[in-house]
PDB file of N, CA and C in Angstrom:
ATOM      1  N   MET A   1      -5.161  78.064 107.570  1.00  0.00           N
ATOM      2  CA  MET A   1      -4.674  79.110 106.843  1.00  0.00           C
ATOM      3  C   MET A   1      -5.041  78.750 105.247  1.00  0.00           C
ATOM      4  N   SER A   2      -5.515  79.788 104.696  1.00  0.00           N
ATOM      5  CA  SER A   2      -5.903  79.283 103.160  1.00  0.00           C
ATOM      6  C   SER A   2      -4.726  79.618 102.589  1.00  0.00           C
ATOM      7  N   GLU A   3      -4.571  78.835 101.338  1.00  0.00           N
ATOM      8  CA  GLU A   3      -3.442  79.142 100.465  1.00  0.00           C
ATOM      9  C   GLU A   3      -3.763  80.373  99.508  1.00  0.00           C
ATOM     10  N   LEU A   4      -2.815  81.127  99.022  1.00  0.00           N
ATOM     11  CA  LEU A   4      -2.949  82.426  98.353  1.00  0.00           C
ATOM     12  C   LEU A   4      -2.338  81.930  96.869  1.00  0.00           C
ATOM     13  N   LEU A   5      -3.247  81.361  96.220  1.00  0.00           N
ATOM     14  CA  LEU A   5      -3.106  80.948  95.028  1.00  0.00           C
ATOM     15  C   LEU A   5      -3.407  81.787  93.697  1.00  0.00           C
ATOM     16  N   TRP A   6      -3.959  82.882  93.910  1.00  0.00           N
ATOM     17  CA  TRP A   6      -4.324  84.076  92.806  1.00  0.00           C
ATOM     18  C   TRP A   6      -3.256  85.181  93.094  1.00  0.00           C
ATOM     19  N   VAL A   7      -2.879  85.720  92.063  1.00  0.00           N
ATOM     20  CA  VAL A   7      -1.862  86.980  92.202  1.00  0.00           C
ATOM     21  C   VAL A   7      -2.545  87.885  91.311  1.00  0.00           C
ATOM     22  N   VAL A   8      -2.277  89.178  91.498  1.00  0.00           N
ATOM     23  CA  VAL A   8      -2.577  90.185  90.632  1.00  0.00           C
ATOM     24  C   VAL A   8      -1.313  90.698  90.244  1.00  0.00           C
ATOM     25  N   VAL A   9      -1.261  91.005  88.811  1.00  0.00           N
ATOM     26  CA  VAL A   9      -0.013  91.350  88.217  1.00  0.00           C
ATOM     27  C   VAL A   9      -0.173  92.718  87.672  1.00  0.00           C
ATOM     28  N   ARG A  10       0.667  93.798  87.773  1.00  0.00           N
ATOM     29  CA  ARG A  10       0.446  95.264  87.031  1.00  0.00           C
ATOM     30  C   ARG A  10       1.451  95.223  85.839  1.00  0.00           C
ATOM     31  N   GLN A  11       1.075  95.360  84.606  1.00  0.00           N
ATOM     32  CA  GLN A  11       1.851  95.397  83.469  1.00  0.00           C
ATOM     33  C   GLN A  11       2.045  96.811  82.943  1.00  0.00           C
ATOM     34  N   ASP A  12       2.832  97.446  82.865  1.00  0.00           N
ATOM     35  CA  ASP A  12       3.132  98.845  82.415  1.00  0.00           C
ATOM     36  C   ASP A  12       3.410  98.971  80.779  1.00  0.00           C
ATOM     37  N   ASP A  13       3.332 100.143  80.164  1.00  0.00           N
ATOM     38  CA  ASP A  13       3.338 100.220  78.877  1.00  0.00           C
ATOM     39  C   ASP A  13       4.406  99.653  78.267  1.00  0.00           C
ATOM     40  N   ASN A  14       5.589  99.324  78.994  1.00  0.00           N
ATOM     41  CA  ASN A  14       7.029  98.899  78.330  1.00  0.00           C
ATOM     42  C   ASN A  14       7.032  97.509  78.540  1.00  0.00           C
ATOM     43  N   GLY A  15       5.924  96.732  79.056  1.00  0.00           N
ATOM     44  CA  GLY A  15       5.791  95.303  79.230  1.00  0.00           C
ATOM     45  C   GLY A  15       6.612  94.872  80.611  1.00  0.00           C
ATOM     46  N   ASN A  16       6.910  95.718  81.508  1.00  0.00           N
ATOM     47  CA  ASN A  16       7.394  95.281  82.642  1.00  0.00           C
ATOM     48  C   ASN A  16       6.185  94.923  83.616  1.00  0.00           C
ATOM     49  N   ARG A  17       6.452  94.035  84.292  1.00  0.00           N
ATOM     50  CA  ARG A  17       5.500  93.127  85.451  1.00  0.00           C
ATOM     51  C   ARG A  17       5.752  93.273  86.691  1.00  0.00           C
ATOM     52  N   TYR A  18       4.822  93.691  87.545  1.00  0.00           N
ATOM     53  CA  TYR A  18       5.144  93.815  88.816  1.00  0.00           C
ATOM     54  C   TYR A  18       3.843  92.970  89.980  1.00  0.00           C
ATOM     55  N   ARG A  19       4.167  92.378  90.530  1.00  0.00           N
ATOM     56  CA  ARG A  19       3.248  91.689  91.443  1.00  0.00           C
ATOM     57  C   ARG A  19       2.689  92.397  92.465  1.00  0.00           C
ATOM     58  N   VAL A  20       1.396  92.926  92.604  1.00  0.00           N
ATOM     59  CA  VAL A  20       0.820  93.741  93.424  1.00  0.00           C
ATOM     60  C   VAL A  20       0.218  93.063  94.533  1.00  0.00           C
ATOM     61  N   GLY A  21      -0.048  91.778  94.580  1.00  0.00           N
ATOM     62  CA  GLY A  21      -0.517  90.843  95.879  1.00  0.00           C
ATOM     63  C   GLY A  21      -0.948  89.641  95.503  1.00  0.00           C
ATOM     64  N   ARG A  22      -1.032  88.671  96.622  1.00  0.00           N
ATOM     65  CA  ARG A  22      -1.714  87.321  96.399  1.00  0.00           C
ATOM     66  C   ARG A  22      -2.849  87.234  97.108  1.00  0.00           C
ATOM     67  N   TYR A  23      -3.854  86.476  96.662  1.00  0.00           N
ATOM     68  CA  TYR A  23      -5.179  86.418  97.054  1.00  0.00           C
ATOM     69  C   TYR A  23      -5.610  85.102  97.473  1.00  0.00           C
ATOM     70  N   ALA A  24      -6.508  84.637  98.095  1.00  0.00           N
ATOM     71  CA  ALA A  24      -7.013  83.152  98.230  1.00  0.00           C
ATOM     72  C   ALA A  24      -7.969  82.983  97.240  1.00  0.00           C
ATOM     73  N   THR A  25      -8.812  83.880  96.832  1.00  0.00           N
ATOM     74  CA  THR A  25      -9.750  83.477  95.780  1.00  0.00           C
ATOM     75  C   THR A  25      -9.545  84.294  94.564  1.00  0.00           C
ATOM     76  N   ARG A  26     -10.172  83.814  93.420  1.00  0.00           N
ATOM     77  CA  ARG A  26     -10.241  84.738  92.185  1.00  0.00           C
ATOM     78  C   ARG A  26     -11.164  86.032  92.403  1.00  0.00           C
ATOM     79  N   GLU A  27     -12.085  85.878  93.133  1.00  0.00           N
ATOM     80  CA  GLU A  27     -12.974  86.921  93.212  1.00  0.00           C
ATOM     81  C   GLU A  27     -12.253  88.020  94.127  1.00  0.00           C
ATOM     82  N   GLU A  28     -11.565  87.710  95.071  1.00  0.00           N
ATOM     83  CA  GLU A  28     -10.883  88.715  95.868  1.00  0.00           C
ATOM     84  C   GLU A  28      -9.936  89.360  94.769  1.00  0.00           C
ATOM     85  N   ALA A  29      -9.112  88.611  94.080  1.00  0.00           N
ATOM     86  CA  ALA A  29      -8.004  89.215  93.234  1.00  0.00           C
ATOM     87  C   ALA A  29      -8.860  89.991  92.121  1.00  0.00           C
ATOM     88  N   GLU A  30      -9.904  89.767  91.786  1.00  0.00           N
ATOM     89  CA  GLU A  30     -10.641  90.476  90.635  1.00  0.00           C
ATOM     90  C   GLU A  30     -11.179  92.044  91.416  1.00  0.00           C
ATOM     91  N   ARG A  31     -11.611  91.909  92.736  1.00  0.00           N
ATOM     92  CA  ARG A  31     -12.098  92.998  93.204  1.00  0.00           C
ATOM     93  C   ARG A  31     -10.703  94.071  93.563  1.00  0.00           C
ATOM     94  N   ILE A  32      -9.514  93.433  93.720  1.00  0.00           N
ATOM     95  CA  ILE A  32      -8.531  94.417  93.991  1.00  0.00           C
ATOM     96  C   ILE A  32      -8.338  94.815  92.524  1.00  0.00           C
ATOM     97  N   ALA A  33      -7.926  94.202  91.571  1.00  0.00           N
ATOM     98  CA  ALA A  33      -7.723  94.353  90.351  1.00  0.00           C
ATOM     99  C   ALA A  33      -8.681  95.567  89.657  1.00  0.00           C
ATOM    100  N   ASP A  34     -10.160  95.487  90.214  1.00  0.00           N
ATOM    101  CA  ASP A  34     -10.967  96.408  89.395  1.00  0.00           C
ATOM    102  C   ASP A  34     -11.008  97.432  90.288  1.00  0.00           C
ATOM    103  N   ALA A  35     -10.544  97.669  91.518  1.00  0.00           N
ATOM    104  CA  ALA A  35     -10.340  98.736  92.366  1.00  0.00           C
ATOM    105  C   ALA A  35      -9.224  99.593  91.816  1.00  0.00           C
ATOM    106  N   LEU A  36      -7.948  98.788  91.420  1.00  0.00           N
ATOM    107  CA  LEU A  36      -6.883  99.444  91.069  1.00  0.00           C
ATOM    108  C   LEU A  36      -7.272 100.042  89.540  1.00  0.00           C
ATOM    109  N   ASP A  37      -7.857  99.456  88.758  1.00  0.00           N
ATOM    110  CA  ASP A  37      -8.123  99.855  87.704  1.00  0.00           C
ATOM    111  C   ASP A  37      -9.289 101.131  87.559  1.00  0.00           C
ATOM    112  N   ALA A  38      -9.847 101.349  88.580  1.00  0.00           N
ATOM    113  CA  ALA A  38     -10.897 102.144  88.760  1.00  0.00           C
ATOM    114  C   ALA A  38     -10.217 103.578  89.040  1.00  0.00           C
ATOM    115  N   ARG A  39      -8.770 103.421  89.538  1.00  0.00           N
ATOM    116  CA  ARG A  39      -8.282 104.769  90.013  1.00  0.00           C
ATOM    117  C   ARG A  39      -7.817 105.731  88.774  1.00  0.00           C
ATOM    118  N   GLY A  40      -7.992 105.123  87.710  1.00  0.00           N
ATOM    119  CA  GLY A  40      -7.576 105.865  86.405  1.00  0.00           C
ATOM    120  C   GLY A  40      -6.171 105.660  85.734  1.00  0.00           C
ATOM    121  N   HIS A  41      -5.440 104.908  86.255  1.00  0.00           N
ATOM    122  CA  HIS A  41      -4.083 104.702  85.995  1.00  0.00           C
ATOM    123  C   HIS A  41      -4.275 103.887  84.646  1.00  0.00           C
ATOM    124  N   LYS A  42      -3.268 104.078  83.653  1.00  0.00           N
ATOM    125  CA  LYS A  42      -3.169 103.177  82.397  1.00  0.00           C
ATOM    126  C   LYS A  42      -2.360 102.366  82.666  1.00  0.00           C
ATOM    127  N   GLN A  43      -2.635 101.383  83.484  1.00  0.00           N
ATOM    128  CA  GLN A  43      -1.964 100.154  83.404  1.00  0.00           C
ATOM    129  C   GLN A  43      -2.870  98.865  83.253  1.00  0.00           C
ATOM    130  N   LEU A  44      -2.208  97.851  82.717  1.00  0.00           N
ATOM    131  CA  LEU A  44      -3.163  96.657  82.636  1.00  0.00           C
ATOM    132  C   LEU A  44      -2.918  95.838  83.867  1.00  0.00           C
ATOM    133  N   TYR A  45      -3.745  95.466  84.352  1.00  0.00           N
ATOM    134  CA  TYR A  45      -3.803  94.499  85.593  1.00  0.00           C
ATOM    135  C   TYR A  45      -4.329  93.028  85.332  1.00  0.00           C
ATOM    136  N   ILE A  46      -3.623  92.084  85.404  1.00  0.00           N
ATOM    137  CA  ILE A  46      -3.644  90.696  85.112  1.00  0.00           C
ATOM    138  C   ILE A  46      -3.840  89.709  86.475  1.00  0.00           C
ATOM    139  N   ILE A  47      -4.977  88.951  86.328  1.00  0.00           N
ATOM    140  CA  ILE A  47      -5.062  87.769  87.216  1.00  0.00           C
ATOM    141  C   ILE A  47      -4.569  86.560  86.847  1.00  0.00           C
ATOM    142  N   GLU A  48      -3.537  85.815  87.898  1.00  0.00           N
ATOM    143  CA  GLU A  48      -3.079  84.589  86.952  1.00  0.00           C
ATOM    144  C   GLU A  48      -3.244  83.531  88.437  1.00  0.00           C
ATOM    145  N   ARG A  49      -3.304  82.544  88.043  1.00  0.00           N
ATOM    146  CA  ARG A  49      -3.391  81.207  89.141  1.00  0.00           C
ATOM    147  C   ARG A  49      -1.744  80.955  89.173  1.00  0.00           C
ATOM    148  N   ILE A  50      -1.583  80.869  90.532  1.00  0.00           N
ATOM    149  CA  ILE A  50       0.020  80.403  90.867  1.00  0.00           C
ATOM    150  C   ILE A  50      -0.189  78.778  90.962  1.00  0.00           C
ATOM    151  N   ASP A  51       0.796  78.270  90.266  1.00  0.00           N
ATOM    152  CA  ASP A  51       1.081  76.923  90.281  1.00  0.00           C
ATOM    153  C   ASP A  51       1.555  76.327  91.491  1.00  0.00           C
ATOM    154  N   GLN A  52       0.737  75.806  92.232  1.00  0.00           N
ATOM    155  CA  GLN A  52       1.144  75.191  93.670  1.00  0.00           C
ATOM    156  C   GLN A  52       2.299  74.148  93.784  1.00  0.00           C
ATOM    157  N   HIS A  53       2.539  73.418  92.549  1.00  0.00           N
ATOM    158  CA  HIS A  53       3.437  72.319  92.362  1.00  0.00           C
ATOM    159  C   HIS A  53       4.835  73.094  91.698  1.00  0.00           C
ATOM    160  N   ALA A  54       4.967  73.984  91.468  1.00  0.00           N
ATOM    161  CA  ALA A  54       6.263  74.890  90.829  1.00  0.00           C
ATOM    162  C   ALA A  54       7.112  74.967  92.144  1.00  0.00           C
ATOM    163  N   SER A  55       8.366  74.709  91.858  1.00  0.00           N
ATOM    164  CA  SER A  55       9.373  74.700  92.835  1.00  0.00           C
ATOM    165  C   SER A  55      10.151  76.111  92.766  1.00  0.00           C
TER     166      SER A  55
END
């Protein structure tokens, strides 16, 4: 099983952040963020790498 080291985060106009999902590759996370962005919502989608050593 691959590790899900990439996360897509949605940030609204007030700065609130919500995790959309976790993905195995940056490319997969980018595809999801692009698809969500194409829906026309005025949200910011951020792709971040999860620190696998964080506790």
